[in-house]
């Protein structure tokens, strides 16, 4: 995710978890898929990463396809280049089983 909150790359396995084609989410803001009640905590955590430049654990709900919300646990790591945070890398684990 870039510093503006847009998805810039997603692992192909995201389709199985999120039910979105990668093309649908590329360039899309995380604000459009994160549960409205979780946006505040996401913004707080991203600011924390910018300040500390250290990974943080973030728990939030994200839209699955066109329907339900699923809980996601992510380690968000800053990608730092020349001493500045350039992007955020999320390593995520859904809290449900999918087929």
PDB file of N, CA and C in Angstrom:
ATOM      1  N   UNK A   1       0.858  -1.158   0.000  1.00  0.00           N
ATOM      2  CA  UNK A   1       0.000   0.000   0.000  1.00  0.00           C
ATOM      3  C   UNK A   1       0.906   1.222   0.000  1.00  0.00           C
ATOM      4  N   UNK A   2       0.583   2.200  -0.846  1.00  0.00           N
ATOM      5  CA  UNK A   2       1.411   3.398  -0.855  1.00  0.00           C
ATOM      6  C   UNK A   2       1.039   4.320   0.314  1.00  0.00           C
ATOM      7  N   UNK A   3       1.758   5.409   0.454  1.00  0.00           N
ATOM      8  CA  UNK A   3       1.535   6.312   1.589  1.00  0.00           C
ATOM      9  C   UNK A   3       0.196   7.030   1.534  1.00  0.00           C
ATOM     10  N   UNK A   4      -0.443   7.035   0.379  1.00  0.00           N
ATOM     11  CA  UNK A   4      -1.779   7.622   0.248  1.00  0.00           C
ATOM     12  C   UNK A   4      -2.879   6.611   0.566  1.00  0.00           C
ATOM     13  N   UNK A   5      -2.489   5.373   0.849  1.00  0.00           N
ATOM     14  CA  UNK A   5      -3.478   4.355   1.202  1.00  0.00           C
ATOM     15  C   UNK A   5      -4.003   3.549   0.039  1.00  0.00           C
ATOM     16  N   UNK A   6      -3.386   3.672  -1.137  1.00  0.00           N
ATOM     17  CA  UNK A   6      -3.841   2.916  -2.312  1.00  0.00           C
ATOM     18  C   UNK A   6      -3.077   1.595  -2.407  1.00  0.00           C
ATOM     19  N   UNK A   7      -3.803   0.537  -2.786  1.00  0.00           N
ATOM     20  CA  UNK A   7      -3.170  -0.759  -2.988  1.00  0.00           C
ATOM     21  C   UNK A   7      -2.318  -0.707  -4.257  1.00  0.00           C
ATOM     22  N   UNK A   8      -1.056  -1.100  -4.136  1.00  0.00           N
ATOM     23  CA  UNK A   8      -0.179  -1.081  -5.307  1.00  0.00           C
ATOM     24  C   UNK A   8       0.244  -2.481  -5.739  1.00  0.00           C
ATOM     25  N   UNK A   9       0.170  -3.433  -4.840  1.00  0.00           N
ATOM     26  CA  UNK A   9       0.439  -4.830  -5.186  1.00  0.00           C
ATOM     27  C   UNK A   9      -0.310  -5.721  -4.201  1.00  0.00           C
ATOM     28  N   UNK A  10      -0.854  -6.801  -4.730  1.00  0.00           N
ATOM     29  CA  UNK A  10      -1.511  -7.791  -3.878  1.00  0.00           C
ATOM     30  C   UNK A  10      -1.144  -9.171  -4.374  1.00  0.00           C
ATOM     31  N   UNK A  11      -0.840 -10.049  -3.448  1.00  0.00           N
ATOM     32  CA  UNK A  11      -0.541 -11.439  -3.760  1.00  0.00           C
ATOM     33  C   UNK A  11      -1.772 -12.065  -4.416  1.00  0.00           C
ATOM     34  N   UNK A  12      -1.592 -12.893  -5.434  1.00  0.00           N
ATOM     35  CA  UNK A  12      -2.744 -13.544  -6.079  1.00  0.00           C
ATOM     36  C   UNK A  12      -3.639 -14.327  -5.125  1.00  0.00           C
ATOM     37  N   UNK A  13      -3.121 -14.794  -4.006  1.00  0.00           N
ATOM     38  CA  UNK A  13      -3.945 -15.528  -3.041  1.00  0.00           C
ATOM     39  C   UNK A  13      -5.011 -14.654  -2.392  1.00  0.00           C
ATOM     40  N   UNK A  14      -4.911 -13.340  -2.525  1.00  0.00           N
ATOM     41  CA  UNK A  14      -5.907 -12.455  -1.933  1.00  0.00           C
ATOM     42  C   UNK A  14      -7.301 -12.714  -2.481  1.00  0.00           C
ATOM     43  N   UNK A  15      -7.372 -13.183  -3.730  1.00  0.00           N
ATOM     44  CA  UNK A  15      -8.690 -13.437  -4.298  1.00  0.00           C
ATOM     45  C   UNK A  15      -9.452 -14.478  -3.471  1.00  0.00           C
ATOM     46  N   UNK A  16      -8.753 -15.542  -3.044  1.00  0.00           N
ATOM     47  CA  UNK A  16      -9.408 -16.586  -2.249  1.00  0.00           C
ATOM     48  C   UNK A  16      -9.919 -16.032  -0.926  1.00  0.00           C
ATOM     49  N   UNK A  17      -9.201 -15.096  -0.365  1.00  0.00           N
ATOM     50  CA  UNK A  17      -9.566 -14.550   0.940  1.00  0.00           C
ATOM     51  C   UNK A  17     -10.587 -13.431   0.809  1.00  0.00           C
ATOM     52  N   UNK A  18     -10.313 -12.470  -0.064  1.00  0.00           N
ATOM     53  CA  UNK A  18     -11.148 -11.272  -0.148  1.00  0.00           C
ATOM     54  C   UNK A  18     -12.266 -11.343  -1.177  1.00  0.00           C
ATOM     55  N   UNK A  19     -12.142 -12.227  -2.154  1.00  0.00           N
ATOM     56  CA  UNK A  19     -13.193 -12.337  -3.156  1.00  0.00           C
ATOM     57  C   UNK A  19     -13.191 -11.213  -4.177  1.00  0.00           C
ATOM     58  N   UNK A  20     -12.136 -10.436  -4.228  1.00  0.00           N
ATOM     59  CA  UNK A  20     -11.975  -9.377  -5.230  1.00  0.00           C
ATOM     60  C   UNK A  20     -10.896  -9.796  -6.212  1.00  0.00           C
ATOM     61  N   UNK A  21     -11.068  -9.481  -7.492  1.00  0.00           N
ATOM     62  CA  UNK A  21      -9.980  -9.641  -8.443  1.00  0.00           C
ATOM     63  C   UNK A  21      -8.921  -8.614  -8.111  1.00  0.00           C
ATOM     64  N   UNK A  22      -7.678  -8.950  -8.359  1.00  0.00           N
ATOM     65  CA  UNK A  22      -6.588  -8.031  -8.054  1.00  0.00           C
ATOM     66  C   UNK A  22      -6.754  -6.695  -8.788  1.00  0.00           C
ATOM     67  N   UNK A  23      -7.279  -6.757 -10.007  1.00  0.00           N
ATOM     68  CA  UNK A  23      -7.476  -5.535 -10.797  1.00  0.00           C
ATOM     69  C   UNK A  23      -8.491  -4.601 -10.129  1.00  0.00           C
ATOM     70  N   UNK A  24      -9.464  -5.177  -9.441  1.00  0.00           N
ATOM     71  CA  UNK A  24     -10.484  -4.370  -8.768  1.00  0.00           C
ATOM     72  C   UNK A  24      -9.889  -3.546  -7.634  1.00  0.00           C
ATOM     73  N   UNK A  25      -8.876  -4.074  -6.974  1.00  0.00           N
ATOM     74  CA  UNK A  25      -8.316  -3.387  -5.817  1.00  0.00           C
ATOM     75  C   UNK A  25      -7.085  -2.548  -6.143  1.00  0.00           C
ATOM     76  N   UNK A  26      -6.422  -2.828  -7.258  1.00  0.00           N
ATOM     77  CA  UNK A  26      -5.221  -2.064  -7.604  1.00  0.00           C
ATOM     78  C   UNK A  26      -5.559  -0.581  -7.760  1.00  0.00           C
ATOM     79  N   UNK A  27      -4.874   0.242  -6.997  1.00  0.00           N
ATOM     80  CA  UNK A  27      -5.113   1.681  -7.033  1.00  0.00           C
ATOM     81  C   UNK A  27      -6.257   2.142  -6.147  1.00  0.00           C
ATOM     82  N   UNK A  28      -7.017   1.202  -5.601  1.00  0.00           N
ATOM     83  CA  UNK A  28      -8.154   1.517  -4.729  1.00  0.00           C
ATOM     84  C   UNK A  28      -7.640   1.901  -3.339  1.00  0.00           C
ATOM     85  N   UNK A  29      -8.327   2.817  -2.686  1.00  0.00           N
ATOM     86  CA  UNK A  29      -7.966   3.215  -1.330  1.00  0.00           C
ATOM     87  C   UNK A  29      -8.450   2.189  -0.321  1.00  0.00           C
ATOM     88  N   UNK A  30      -7.630   1.947   0.690  1.00  0.00           N
ATOM     89  CA  UNK A  30      -8.043   1.032   1.758  1.00  0.00           C
ATOM     90  C   UNK A  30      -9.295   1.543   2.459  1.00  0.00           C
ATOM     91  N   UNK A  31      -9.552   2.841   2.409  1.00  0.00           N
ATOM     92  CA  UNK A  31     -10.730   3.421   3.052  1.00  0.00           C
ATOM     93  C   UNK A  31     -12.028   2.881   2.456  1.00  0.00           C
ATOM     94  N   UNK A  32     -11.966   2.381   1.226  1.00  0.00           N
ATOM     95  CA  UNK A  32     -13.157   1.855   0.560  1.00  0.00           C
ATOM     96  C   UNK A  32     -13.456   0.407   0.899  1.00  0.00           C
ATOM     97  N   UNK A  33     -12.516  -0.285   1.565  1.00  0.00           N
ATOM     98  CA  UNK A  33     -12.743  -1.700   1.873  1.00  0.00           C
ATOM     99  C   UNK A  33     -12.618  -2.031   3.359  1.00  0.00           C
ATOM    100  N   UNK A  34     -12.119  -1.101   4.147  1.00  0.00           N
ATOM    101  CA  UNK A  34     -12.014  -1.303   5.592  1.00  0.00           C
ATOM    102  C   UNK A  34     -13.350  -0.937   6.231  1.00  0.00           C
ATOM    103  N   UNK A  35     -13.765  -1.714   7.220  1.00  0.00           N
ATOM    104  CA  UNK A  35     -15.008  -1.429   7.931  1.00  0.00           C
ATOM    105  C   UNK A  35     -14.952   0.000   8.487  1.00  0.00           C
ATOM    106  N   UNK A  36     -16.022   0.780   8.335  1.00  0.00           N
ATOM    107  CA  UNK A  36     -16.021   2.173   8.807  1.00  0.00           C
ATOM    108  C   UNK A  36     -15.624   2.331  10.273  1.00  0.00           C
ATOM    109  N   UNK A  37     -15.977   1.369  11.116  1.00  0.00           N
ATOM    110  CA  UNK A  37     -15.626   1.460  12.536  1.00  0.00           C
ATOM    111  C   UNK A  37     -14.140   1.201  12.794  1.00  0.00           C
ATOM    112  N   UNK A  38     -13.422   0.674  11.805  1.00  0.00           N
ATOM    113  CA  UNK A  38     -12.007   0.345  11.978  1.00  0.00           C
ATOM    114  C   UNK A  38     -11.060   1.329  11.297  1.00  0.00           C
ATOM    115  N   UNK A  39     -11.599   2.287  10.581  1.00  0.00           N
ATOM    116  CA  UNK A  39     -10.753   3.247   9.861  1.00  0.00           C
ATOM    117  C   UNK A  39      -9.910   4.072  10.824  1.00  0.00           C
ATOM    118  N   UNK A  40     -10.491   4.484  11.937  1.00  0.00           N
ATOM    119  CA  UNK A  40      -9.752   5.303  12.893  1.00  0.00           C
ATOM    120  C   UNK A  40      -8.518   4.570  13.420  1.00  0.00           C
ATOM    121  N   UNK A  41      -8.678   3.308  13.822  1.00  0.00           N
ATOM    122  CA  UNK A  41      -7.545   2.554  14.350  1.00  0.00           C
ATOM    123  C   UNK A  41      -6.501   2.317  13.266  1.00  0.00           C
ATOM    124  N   UNK A  42      -6.938   2.100  12.025  1.00  0.00           N
ATOM    125  CA  UNK A  42      -5.989   1.915  10.929  1.00  0.00           C
ATOM    126  C   UNK A  42      -5.158   3.183  10.735  1.00  0.00           C
ATOM    127  N   UNK A  43      -5.796   4.342  10.760  1.00  0.00           N
ATOM    128  CA  UNK A  43      -5.064   5.601  10.599  1.00  0.00           C
ATOM    129  C   UNK A  43      -4.081   5.813  11.747  1.00  0.00           C
ATOM    130  N   UNK A  44      -4.498   5.481  12.963  1.00  0.00           N
ATOM    131  CA  UNK A  44      -3.614   5.619  14.129  1.00  0.00           C
ATOM    132  C   UNK A  44      -2.392   4.721  13.968  1.00  0.00           C
ATOM    133  N   UNK A  45      -2.620   3.478  13.563  1.00  0.00           N
ATOM    134  CA  UNK A  45      -1.508   2.534  13.409  1.00  0.00           C
ATOM    135  C   UNK A  45      -0.548   2.960  12.294  1.00  0.00           C
ATOM    136  N   UNK A  46      -1.091   3.463  11.188  1.00  0.00           N
ATOM    137  CA  UNK A  46      -0.225   3.898  10.090  1.00  0.00           C
ATOM    138  C   UNK A  46       0.615   5.100  10.501  1.00  0.00           C
ATOM    139  N   UNK A  47       0.050   6.010  11.269  1.00  0.00           N
ATOM    140  CA  UNK A  47       0.822   7.148  11.785  1.00  0.00           C
ATOM    141  C   UNK A  47       1.924   6.660  12.726  1.00  0.00           C
ATOM    142  N   UNK A  48       1.596   5.648  13.531  1.00  0.00           N
ATOM    143  CA  UNK A  48       2.579   5.066  14.445  1.00  0.00           C
ATOM    144  C   UNK A  48       3.769   4.493  13.661  1.00  0.00           C
ATOM    145  N   UNK A  49       3.467   3.808  12.568  1.00  0.00           N
ATOM    146  CA  UNK A  49       4.526   3.235  11.736  1.00  0.00           C
ATOM    147  C   UNK A  49       5.388   4.339  11.135  1.00  0.00           C
ATOM    148  N   UNK A  50       4.758   5.399  10.674  1.00  0.00           N
ATOM    149  CA  UNK A  50       5.516   6.516  10.103  1.00  0.00           C
ATOM    150  C   UNK A  50       6.460   7.124  11.137  1.00  0.00           C
ATOM    151  N   UNK A  51       6.000   7.201  12.381  1.00  0.00           N
ATOM    152  CA  UNK A  51       6.790   7.814  13.445  1.00  0.00           C
ATOM    153  C   UNK A  51       7.907   6.888  13.933  1.00  0.00           C
ATOM    154  N   UNK A  52       7.571   5.624  14.212  1.00  0.00           N
ATOM    155  CA  UNK A  52       8.547   4.705  14.801  1.00  0.00           C
ATOM    156  C   UNK A  52       9.367   3.939  13.771  1.00  0.00           C
ATOM    157  N   UNK A  53       8.818   3.824  12.560  1.00  0.00           N
ATOM    158  CA  UNK A  53       9.435   3.046  11.486  1.00  0.00           C
ATOM    159  C   UNK A  53       9.614   1.582  11.869  1.00  0.00           C
ATOM    160  N   UNK A  54       8.689   1.097  12.690  1.00  0.00           N
ATOM    161  CA  UNK A  54       8.712  -0.295  13.133  1.00  0.00           C
ATOM    162  C   UNK A  54       7.390  -0.970  12.772  1.00  0.00           C
ATOM    163  N   UNK A  55       7.415  -2.287  12.553  1.00  0.00           N
ATOM    164  CA  UNK A  55       6.177  -3.018  12.251  1.00  0.00           C
ATOM    165  C   UNK A  55       5.194  -2.962  13.421  1.00  0.00           C
ATOM    166  N   UNK A  56       3.908  -2.996  13.102  1.00  0.00           N
ATOM    167  CA  UNK A  56       2.862  -3.055  14.124  1.00  0.00           C
ATOM    168  C   UNK A  56       1.821  -4.097  13.711  1.00  0.00           C
ATOM    169  N   UNK A  57       1.146  -4.642  14.711  1.00  0.00           N
ATOM    170  CA  UNK A  57       0.033  -5.548  14.479  1.00  0.00           C
ATOM    171  C   UNK A  57      -1.242  -4.721  14.391  1.00  0.00           C
ATOM    172  N   UNK A  58      -2.043  -4.984  13.362  1.00  0.00           N
ATOM    173  CA  UNK A  58      -3.306  -4.277  13.186  1.00  0.00           C
ATOM    174  C   UNK A  58      -4.408  -5.316  13.017  1.00  0.00           C
ATOM    175  N   UNK A  59      -5.456  -5.201  13.802  1.00  0.00           N
ATOM    176  CA  UNK A  59      -6.633  -6.055  13.681  1.00  0.00           C
ATOM    177  C   UNK A  59      -7.781  -5.193  13.154  1.00  0.00           C
ATOM    178  N   UNK A  60      -8.424  -5.651  12.099  1.00  0.00           N
ATOM    179  CA  UNK A  60      -9.486  -4.853  11.483  1.00  0.00           C
ATOM    180  C   UNK A  60     -10.400  -5.757  10.675  1.00  0.00           C
ATOM    181  N   UNK A  61     -11.500  -5.199  10.234  1.00  0.00           N
ATOM    182  CA  UNK A  61     -12.426  -5.908   9.351  1.00  0.00           C
ATOM    183  C   UNK A  61     -12.299  -5.336   7.948  1.00  0.00           C
ATOM    184  N   UNK A  62     -12.375  -6.238   6.993  1.00  0.00           N
ATOM    185  CA  UNK A  62     -12.275  -5.826   5.596  1.00  0.00           C
ATOM    186  C   UNK A  62     -13.420  -6.479   4.822  1.00  0.00           C
ATOM    187  N   UNK A  63     -13.878  -5.789   3.810  1.00  0.00           N
ATOM    188  CA  UNK A  63     -14.986  -6.284   2.996  1.00  0.00           C
ATOM    189  C   UNK A  63     -14.540  -7.507   2.203  1.00  0.00           C
ATOM    190  N   UNK A  64     -15.384  -8.517   2.192  1.00  0.00           N
ATOM    191  CA  UNK A  64     -15.102  -9.710   1.398  1.00  0.00           C
ATOM    192  C   UNK A  64     -16.018  -9.698   0.192  1.00  0.00           C
ATOM    193  N   UNK A  65     -15.437  -9.458  -0.969  1.00  0.00           N
ATOM    194  CA  UNK A  65     -16.220  -9.387  -2.198  1.00  0.00           C
ATOM    195  C   UNK A  65     -17.290  -8.311  -2.077  1.00  0.00           C
ATOM    196  N   UNK A  66     -18.466  -8.642  -2.452  1.00  0.00           N
ATOM    197  CA  UNK A  66     -19.570  -7.676  -2.407  1.00  0.00           C
ATOM    198  C   UNK A  66     -20.451  -7.865  -1.181  1.00  0.00           C
ATOM    199  N   UNK A  67     -19.986  -8.711  -0.237  1.00  0.00           N
ATOM    200  CA  UNK A  67     -20.880  -9.058   0.859  1.00  0.00           C
ATOM    201  C   UNK A  67     -20.363  -8.774   2.248  1.00  0.00           C
ATOM    202  N   UNK A  68     -20.029  -9.815   2.966  1.00  0.00           N
ATOM    203  CA  UNK A  68     -19.764  -9.748   4.402  1.00  0.00           C
ATOM    204  C   UNK A  68     -18.412  -9.106   4.735  1.00  0.00           C
ATOM    205  N   UNK A  69     -18.218  -8.912   6.024  1.00  0.00           N
ATOM    206  CA  UNK A  69     -16.948  -8.409   6.550  1.00  0.00           C
ATOM    207  C   UNK A  69     -16.211  -9.573   7.187  1.00  0.00           C
ATOM    208  N   UNK A  70     -14.894  -9.612   7.021  1.00  0.00           N
ATOM    209  CA  UNK A  70     -14.083 -10.619   7.691  1.00  0.00           C
ATOM    210  C   UNK A  70     -13.031  -9.915   8.541  1.00  0.00           C
ATOM    211  N   UNK A  71     -12.647 -10.575   9.619  1.00  0.00           N
ATOM    212  CA  UNK A  71     -11.621 -10.019  10.495  1.00  0.00           C
ATOM    213  C   UNK A  71     -10.259 -10.442   9.968  1.00  0.00           C
ATOM    214  N   UNK A  72      -9.357  -9.478   9.904  1.00  0.00           N
ATOM    215  CA  UNK A  72      -7.998  -9.709   9.406  1.00  0.00           C
ATOM    216  C   UNK A  72      -7.011  -9.283  10.491  1.00  0.00           C
ATOM    217  N   UNK A  73      -5.962 -10.062  10.626  1.00  0.00           N
ATOM    218  CA  UNK A  73      -4.850  -9.718  11.506  1.00  0.00           C
ATOM    219  C   UNK A  73      -3.656  -9.483  10.584  1.00  0.00           C
ATOM    220  N   UNK A  74      -3.077  -8.291  10.636  1.00  0.00           N
ATOM    221  CA  UNK A  74      -1.957  -7.966   9.752  1.00  0.00           C
ATOM    222  C   UNK A  74      -0.770  -7.442  10.543  1.00  0.00           C
ATOM    223  N   UNK A  75       0.401  -7.856  10.102  1.00  0.00           N
ATOM    224  CA  UNK A  75       1.622  -7.192  10.541  1.00  0.00           C
ATOM    225  C   UNK A  75       1.909  -6.197   9.422  1.00  0.00           C
ATOM    226  N   UNK A  76       1.915  -4.941   9.763  1.00  0.00           N
ATOM    227  CA  UNK A  76       2.198  -3.910   8.770  1.00  0.00           C
ATOM    228  C   UNK A  76       3.631  -3.439   8.993  1.00  0.00           C
ATOM    229  N   UNK A  77       4.436  -3.567   7.955  1.00  0.00           N
ATOM    230  CA  UNK A  77       5.853  -3.236   8.016  1.00  0.00           C
ATOM    231  C   UNK A  77       6.144  -2.078   7.076  1.00  0.00           C
ATOM    232  N   UNK A  78       6.893  -1.086   7.533  1.00  0.00           N
ATOM    233  CA  UNK A  78       7.250  -0.007   6.624  1.00  0.00           C
ATOM    234  C   UNK A  78       8.371  -0.443   5.684  1.00  0.00           C
ATOM    235  N   UNK A  79       8.277  -0.055   4.439  1.00  0.00           N
ATOM    236  CA  UNK A  79       9.380  -0.233   3.498  1.00  0.00           C
ATOM    237  C   UNK A  79      10.125   1.085   3.497  1.00  0.00           C
ATOM    238  N   UNK A  80      11.373   1.041   3.944  1.00  0.00           N
ATOM    239  CA  UNK A  80      12.158   2.263   4.116  1.00  0.00           C
ATOM    240  C   UNK A  80      13.252   2.308   3.056  1.00  0.00           C
ATOM    241  N   UNK A  81      13.367   3.456   2.399  1.00  0.00           N
ATOM    242  CA  UNK A  81      14.392   3.677   1.385  1.00  0.00           C
ATOM    243  C   UNK A  81      15.019   5.044   1.641  1.00  0.00           C
ATOM    244  N   UNK A  82      16.318   5.073   1.719  1.00  0.00           N
ATOM    245  CA  UNK A  82      17.044   6.321   1.990  1.00  0.00           C
ATOM    246  C   UNK A  82      16.534   7.014   3.249  1.00  0.00           C
ATOM    247  N   UNK A  83      16.219   6.219   4.265  1.00  0.00           N
ATOM    248  CA  UNK A  83      15.811   6.756   5.549  1.00  0.00           C
ATOM    249  C   UNK A  83      14.367   7.224   5.642  1.00  0.00           C
ATOM    250  N   UNK A  84      13.580   7.019   4.579  1.00  0.00           N
ATOM    251  CA  UNK A  84      12.186   7.466   4.586  1.00  0.00           C
ATOM    252  C   UNK A  84      11.256   6.296   4.299  1.00  0.00           C
ATOM    253  N   UNK A  85      10.102   6.306   4.976  1.00  0.00           N
ATOM    254  CA  UNK A  85       9.083   5.299   4.702  1.00  0.00           C
ATOM    255  C   UNK A  85       8.502   5.583   3.319  1.00  0.00           C
ATOM    256  N   UNK A  86       8.570   4.573   2.449  1.00  0.00           N
ATOM    257  CA  UNK A  86       8.078   4.735   1.074  1.00  0.00           C
ATOM    258  C   UNK A  86       6.730   4.064   0.839  1.00  0.00           C
ATOM    259  N   UNK A  87       6.532   2.897   1.456  1.00  0.00           N
ATOM    260  CA  UNK A  87       5.278   2.156   1.325  1.00  0.00           C
ATOM    261  C   UNK A  87       5.060   1.342   2.587  1.00  0.00           C
ATOM    262  N   UNK A  88       3.877   0.724   2.662  1.00  0.00           N
ATOM    263  CA  UNK A  88       3.554  -0.190   3.751  1.00  0.00           C
ATOM    264  C   UNK A  88       3.373  -1.582   3.163  1.00  0.00           C
ATOM    265  N   UNK A  89       3.935  -2.584   3.836  1.00  0.00           N
ATOM    266  CA  UNK A  89       3.772  -3.967   3.414  1.00  0.00           C
ATOM    267  C   UNK A  89       2.961  -4.681   4.488  1.00  0.00           C
ATOM    268  N   UNK A  90       1.844  -5.271   4.080  1.00  0.00           N
ATOM    269  CA  UNK A  90       0.966  -5.981   5.004  1.00  0.00           C
ATOM    270  C   UNK A  90       1.140  -7.485   4.828  1.00  0.00           C
ATOM    271  N   UNK A  91       1.400  -8.181   5.928  1.00  0.00           N
ATOM    272  CA  UNK A  91       1.398  -9.631   5.967  1.00  0.00           C
ATOM    273  C   UNK A  91       0.158  -9.995   6.768  1.00  0.00           C
ATOM    274  N   UNK A  92      -0.830 -10.566   6.102  1.00  0.00           N
ATOM    275  CA  UNK A  92      -2.152 -10.711   6.715  1.00  0.00           C
ATOM    276  C   UNK A  92      -2.587 -12.155   6.852  1.00  0.00           C
ATOM    277  N   UNK A  93      -3.456 -12.359   7.842  1.00  0.00           N
ATOM    278  CA  UNK A  93      -4.024 -13.668   8.108  1.00  0.00           C
ATOM    279  C   UNK A  93      -5.504 -13.474   8.430  1.00  0.00           C
ATOM    280  N   UNK A  94      -6.386 -14.087   7.637  1.00  0.00           N
ATOM    281  CA  UNK A  94      -7.818 -13.967   7.938  1.00  0.00           C
ATOM    282  C   UNK A  94      -8.184 -14.849   9.118  1.00  0.00           C
ATOM    283  N   UNK A  95      -9.221 -14.453   9.789  1.00  0.00           N
ATOM    284  CA  UNK A  95      -9.699 -15.217  10.932  1.00  0.00           C
ATOM    285  C   UNK A  95     -10.904 -16.064  10.535  1.00  0.00           C
ATOM    286  N   UNK A  96     -10.796 -16.761   9.413  1.00  0.00           N
ATOM    287  CA  UNK A  96     -11.843 -17.675   8.964  1.00  0.00           C
ATOM    288  C   UNK A  96     -11.213 -18.690   8.012  1.00  0.00           C
ATOM    289  N   UNK A  97     -11.944 -19.755   7.742  1.00  0.00           N
ATOM    290  CA  UNK A  97     -11.462 -20.772   6.809  1.00  0.00           C
ATOM    291  C   UNK A  97     -12.176 -20.581   5.466  1.00  0.00           C
ATOM    292  N   UNK A  98     -11.411 -20.674   4.391  1.00  0.00           N
ATOM    293  CA  UNK A  98     -12.009 -20.528   3.068  1.00  0.00           C
ATOM    294  C   UNK A  98     -11.702 -21.765   2.243  1.00  0.00           C
ATOM    295  N   UNK A  99     -12.505 -21.962   1.208  1.00  0.00           N
ATOM    296  CA  UNK A  99     -12.334 -23.143   0.346  1.00  0.00           C
ATOM    297  C   UNK A  99     -11.572 -22.775  -0.909  1.00  0.00           C
TER     298      UNK A  99
END
